[in-house]
Amino acid sequence: MAGPLRLLILATIMASISLTAEAEFSIRVPQNYGCASGRKDGLFRHYDVSACKGVWEGHVKDAPLCSAGWHVCSWNDTEMLSAISWYQAVHIEGCFAINAANRDGRCTECSAEDDDMAGIGADCPHQNENEGSCMGQGKVTASWRRHQSHPCDYKPWMTGVTCCRNRRKGSAPVITLSPVPAVQSPAGSEISLKCKAAASPLPHVTWYKNG
């Protein structure tokens, strides 16, 4: 009886181990990595920022490469972007665009022909560690105005975009550039007034005559 009993006990233990191992490896925890493809193509150590591969048409803000709950990183996301080190910004393979402009050391909206579109990646056409940008210190340019028209649009050398996680709570609009209070100009001439605002989600600026 001792032999069959030991065999029965051993079989029971082996079955228990097999079932435990099978249950352990069958667990799948869904995660949102930030890319519409369901994966994360770069910046693996960052929770709120992802590099996402793909192509698109037109302005970078319209790139459909970020998953639900994420958006193409913009000039409103400098806090998240500043977590990217200079080493990471210039060593990640490819060139990932950001919906922002590196203009005179400041991070602003990417909208004009004279803008340099921000980005990260070893294959971006312009890199300067000593200039300021949307990441804080160090400037990486995904599209350079001196060489290309429509610098905020997709270019063939771009690998994808940089996606940022949506903020859980919205933030009220803050005027970052106010128009001048008064302008004097000759009758019939054209004047240009500038106003910029930051908020989450991105705000729309509307002008009203006489309030």
Protein backbone atom coordinates (compact mmCIF):
# COMPACT_ATOMS: atom_id res chain seq x y z
CA MET A 1 0.00 0.00 0.00
CA ALA A 2 2.91 2.35 0.64
CA GLY A 3 3.97 2.33 -3.02
CA PRO A 4 0.51 3.16 -4.52
CA LEU A 5 -0.09 5.71 -1.76
CA ARG A 6 3.17 7.55 -2.52
CA LEU A 7 2.33 7.47 -6.22
CA LEU A 8 -1.13 8.94 -5.56
CA ILE A 9 0.30 11.72 -3.37
CA LEU A 10 2.96 12.53 -5.98
CA ALA A 11 0.36 12.65 -8.76
CA THR A 12 -1.83 14.96 -6.69
CA ILE A 13 1.08 17.32 -5.99
CA MET A 14 2.10 17.38 -9.69
CA ALA A 15 -1.49 18.13 -10.74
CA SER A 16 -1.66 20.98 -8.22
CA ILE A 17 1.60 22.47 -9.51
CA SER A 18 0.45 22.18 -13.12
CA LEU A 19 -2.89 23.87 -12.40
CA THR A 20 -1.22 26.66 -10.46
CA ALA A 21 1.28 27.35 -13.22
CA GLU A 22 -1.42 27.30 -15.89
CA ALA A 23 -3.57 29.78 -13.96
CA GLU A 24 -0.59 32.07 -13.36
CA PHE A 25 0.38 32.32 -17.04
CA SER A 26 -3.18 32.74 -18.28
CA ILE A 27 -3.65 36.09 -16.49
CA ARG A 28 -3.67 39.09 -18.84
CA VAL A 29 -3.83 42.64 -17.54
CA PRO A 30 -4.99 45.15 -20.19
CA GLN A 31 -2.88 48.29 -20.40
CA ASN A 32 -3.17 51.51 -22.38
CA TYR A 33 0.25 52.32 -23.77
CA GLY A 34 -0.84 55.46 -25.61
CA CYS A 35 -0.65 54.36 -29.25
CA ALA A 36 -3.69 53.61 -31.41
CA SER A 37 -1.91 50.42 -32.51
CA GLY A 38 -2.11 49.10 -28.94
CA ARG A 39 1.64 49.16 -28.41
CA LYS A 40 4.31 51.59 -27.24
CA ASP A 41 7.04 52.32 -29.79
CA GLY A 42 9.37 54.33 -27.57
CA LEU A 43 9.81 56.14 -24.24
CA PHE A 44 9.13 52.87 -22.46
CA ARG A 45 10.03 54.20 -19.01
CA HIS A 46 7.51 57.04 -19.20
CA TYR A 47 3.96 56.57 -17.94
CA ASP A 48 2.35 59.69 -19.44
CA VAL A 49 4.28 60.01 -22.74
CA SER A 50 4.65 57.52 -25.60
CA ALA A 51 6.34 57.50 -29.00
CA CYS A 52 3.88 56.11 -31.58
CA LYS A 53 4.79 55.09 -35.13
CA GLY A 54 2.65 55.81 -38.17
CA VAL A 55 1.90 58.25 -40.98
CA TRP A 56 -0.80 60.88 -41.43
CA GLU A 57 -1.86 63.68 -43.75
CA GLY A 58 -1.72 67.39 -42.99
CA HIS A 59 -1.14 69.08 -39.65
CA VAL A 60 0.42 67.05 -36.85
CA LYS A 61 -2.53 67.76 -34.53
CA ASP A 62 -4.72 65.65 -36.84
CA ALA A 63 -2.49 62.55 -36.70
CA PRO A 64 -4.73 59.58 -35.68
CA LEU A 65 -1.92 57.71 -33.94
CA CYS A 66 -2.80 58.15 -30.24
CA SER A 67 -5.20 55.85 -28.42
CA ALA A 68 -8.34 56.89 -26.56
CA GLY A 69 -7.47 58.97 -23.51
CA TRP A 70 -4.31 60.28 -25.19
CA HIS A 71 -3.52 63.08 -27.65
CA VAL A 72 -0.63 64.33 -29.75
CA CYS A 73 1.59 66.17 -27.27
CA SER A 74 1.27 69.94 -27.65
CA TRP A 75 2.60 73.22 -26.25
CA ASN A 76 0.24 72.66 -23.30
CA ASP A 77 2.17 69.55 -22.21
CA THR A 78 5.55 71.02 -21.30
CA GLU A 79 5.37 69.49 -17.81
CA MET A 80 5.15 65.96 -19.25
CA LEU A 81 7.63 66.65 -22.04
CA SER A 82 10.21 68.05 -19.62
CA ALA A 83 10.42 64.58 -18.05
CA ILE A 84 12.16 63.38 -21.24
CA SER A 85 15.92 63.65 -20.78
CA TRP A 86 18.16 65.09 -23.49
CA TYR A 87 19.81 61.67 -23.87
CA GLN A 88 16.44 60.03 -24.53
CA ALA A 89 15.35 62.80 -26.88
CA VAL A 90 18.30 62.32 -29.22
CA HIS A 91 18.82 58.55 -28.94
CA ILE A 92 15.35 57.17 -29.61
CA GLU A 93 15.31 55.72 -33.15
CA GLY A 94 13.32 57.76 -35.68
CA CYS A 95 11.74 61.20 -35.50
CA PHE A 96 8.50 61.67 -33.56
CA ALA A 97 6.68 64.98 -34.07
CA ILE A 98 5.09 67.16 -31.38
CA ASN A 99 2.18 69.57 -31.96
CA ALA A 100 4.24 72.56 -30.85
CA ALA A 101 6.80 75.03 -32.14
CA ASN A 102 10.26 75.72 -30.76
CA ARG A 103 10.34 79.48 -31.23
CA ASP A 104 13.13 81.63 -29.78
CA GLY A 105 13.62 79.28 -26.84
CA ARG A 106 9.87 79.14 -26.09
CA CYS A 107 7.27 76.40 -26.62
CA THR A 108 4.30 77.75 -28.58
CA GLU A 109 1.52 76.67 -30.90
CA CYS A 110 2.69 75.19 -34.22
CA SER A 111 0.74 77.14 -36.80
CA ALA A 112 2.86 79.53 -38.88
CA GLU A 113 5.19 79.17 -41.84
CA ASP A 114 8.07 80.52 -39.77
CA ASP A 115 7.73 77.87 -37.03
CA ASP A 116 10.12 75.00 -36.25
CA MET A 117 7.99 71.98 -35.31
CA ALA A 118 9.20 70.29 -32.13
CA GLY A 119 9.99 66.60 -31.95
CA ILE A 120 12.20 63.91 -30.44
CA GLY A 121 14.42 61.33 -32.06
CA ALA A 122 17.86 60.65 -33.46
CA ASP A 123 16.63 61.12 -37.05
CA CYS A 124 15.08 64.57 -36.58
CA PRO A 125 16.88 67.09 -38.80
CA HIS A 126 18.01 69.59 -36.14
CA GLN A 127 19.30 69.08 -32.60
CA ASN A 128 20.93 71.59 -30.25
CA GLU A 129 21.52 70.82 -26.59
CA ASN A 130 22.16 74.47 -25.72
CA GLU A 131 18.80 75.88 -26.88
CA GLY A 132 15.51 75.99 -24.98
CA SER A 133 12.44 74.12 -26.20
CA CYS A 134 9.22 72.36 -25.19
CA MET A 135 11.32 69.87 -23.21
CA GLY A 136 13.02 72.66 -21.29
CA GLN A 137 16.71 72.46 -22.03
CA GLY A 138 17.76 71.14 -25.43
CA LYS A 139 16.00 71.62 -28.76
CA VAL A 140 15.01 68.91 -31.24
CA THR A 141 13.28 70.04 -34.43
CA ALA A 142 11.14 67.62 -36.46
CA SER A 143 10.59 70.05 -39.34
CA TRP A 144 12.76 73.07 -40.07
CA ARG A 145 11.15 76.15 -41.61
CA ARG A 146 14.27 77.04 -43.60
CA HIS A 147 14.07 73.86 -45.63
CA GLN A 148 10.36 73.00 -45.86
CA SER A 149 7.01 74.72 -46.38
CA HIS A 150 4.16 73.88 -44.00
CA PRO A 151 6.54 72.90 -41.19
CA CYS A 152 3.69 71.67 -38.97
CA ASP A 153 2.62 69.00 -41.50
CA TYR A 154 3.77 65.41 -41.97
CA LYS A 155 7.13 64.92 -43.67
CA PRO A 156 8.50 61.69 -45.21
CA TRP A 157 11.34 61.32 -42.67
CA MET A 158 8.97 61.39 -39.68
CA THR A 159 8.49 58.08 -37.89
CA GLY A 160 5.35 59.08 -35.99
CA VAL A 161 4.18 61.38 -33.20
CA THR A 162 4.68 61.83 -29.48
CA CYS A 163 1.47 61.09 -27.54
CA CYS A 164 0.61 62.46 -24.08
CA ARG A 165 -1.94 61.07 -21.64
CA ASN A 166 -5.02 63.29 -21.21
CA ARG A 167 -5.15 65.10 -17.90
CA ARG A 168 -7.76 63.65 -15.58
CA LYS A 169 -8.99 67.09 -14.67
CA GLY A 170 -9.36 69.98 -17.07
CA SER A 171 -7.55 73.23 -16.48
CA ALA A 172 -9.08 76.66 -16.98
CA PRO A 173 -7.76 78.81 -19.84
CA VAL A 174 -4.77 80.96 -19.05
CA ILE A 175 -3.78 83.83 -21.36
CA THR A 176 -0.10 83.30 -22.17
CA LEU A 177 0.16 86.18 -24.65
CA SER A 178 -2.20 89.17 -24.34
CA PRO A 179 -2.83 91.64 -27.17
CA VAL A 180 -1.51 95.15 -26.68
CA PRO A 181 -4.12 97.44 -25.01
CA ALA A 182 -3.88 100.16 -27.66
CA VAL A 183 -2.54 100.50 -31.21
CA GLN A 184 -2.09 103.64 -33.27
CA SER A 185 -1.96 103.34 -37.06
CA PRO A 186 -2.93 105.40 -40.12
CA ALA A 187 -6.51 105.09 -41.37
CA GLY A 188 -6.92 102.26 -43.85
CA SER A 189 -3.79 100.37 -42.79
CA GLU A 190 -3.75 96.79 -41.50
CA ILE A 191 -2.72 95.90 -37.95
CA SER A 192 -1.96 92.52 -36.41
CA LEU A 193 -3.05 91.58 -32.88
CA LYS A 194 -1.76 88.43 -31.20
CA CYS A 195 -3.32 86.43 -28.37
CA LYS A 196 -2.47 82.95 -27.07
CA ALA A 197 -4.08 80.83 -24.37
CA ALA A 198 -3.29 77.49 -22.72
CA ALA A 199 -5.82 75.07 -21.18
CA SER A 200 -6.92 71.44 -21.09
CA PRO A 201 -8.55 70.59 -23.41
CA LEU A 202 -6.94 72.95 -25.94
CA PRO A 203 -8.81 76.29 -26.05
CA HIS A 204 -10.14 78.18 -29.06
CA VAL A 205 -9.48 81.92 -29.18
CA THR A 206 -12.38 84.06 -30.45
CA TRP A 207 -12.15 87.78 -31.15
CA TYR A 208 -15.02 90.21 -30.45
CA LYS A 209 -15.30 93.82 -31.54
CA ASN A 210 -16.05 96.17 -28.62
CA GLY A 211 -16.31 93.29 -26.17
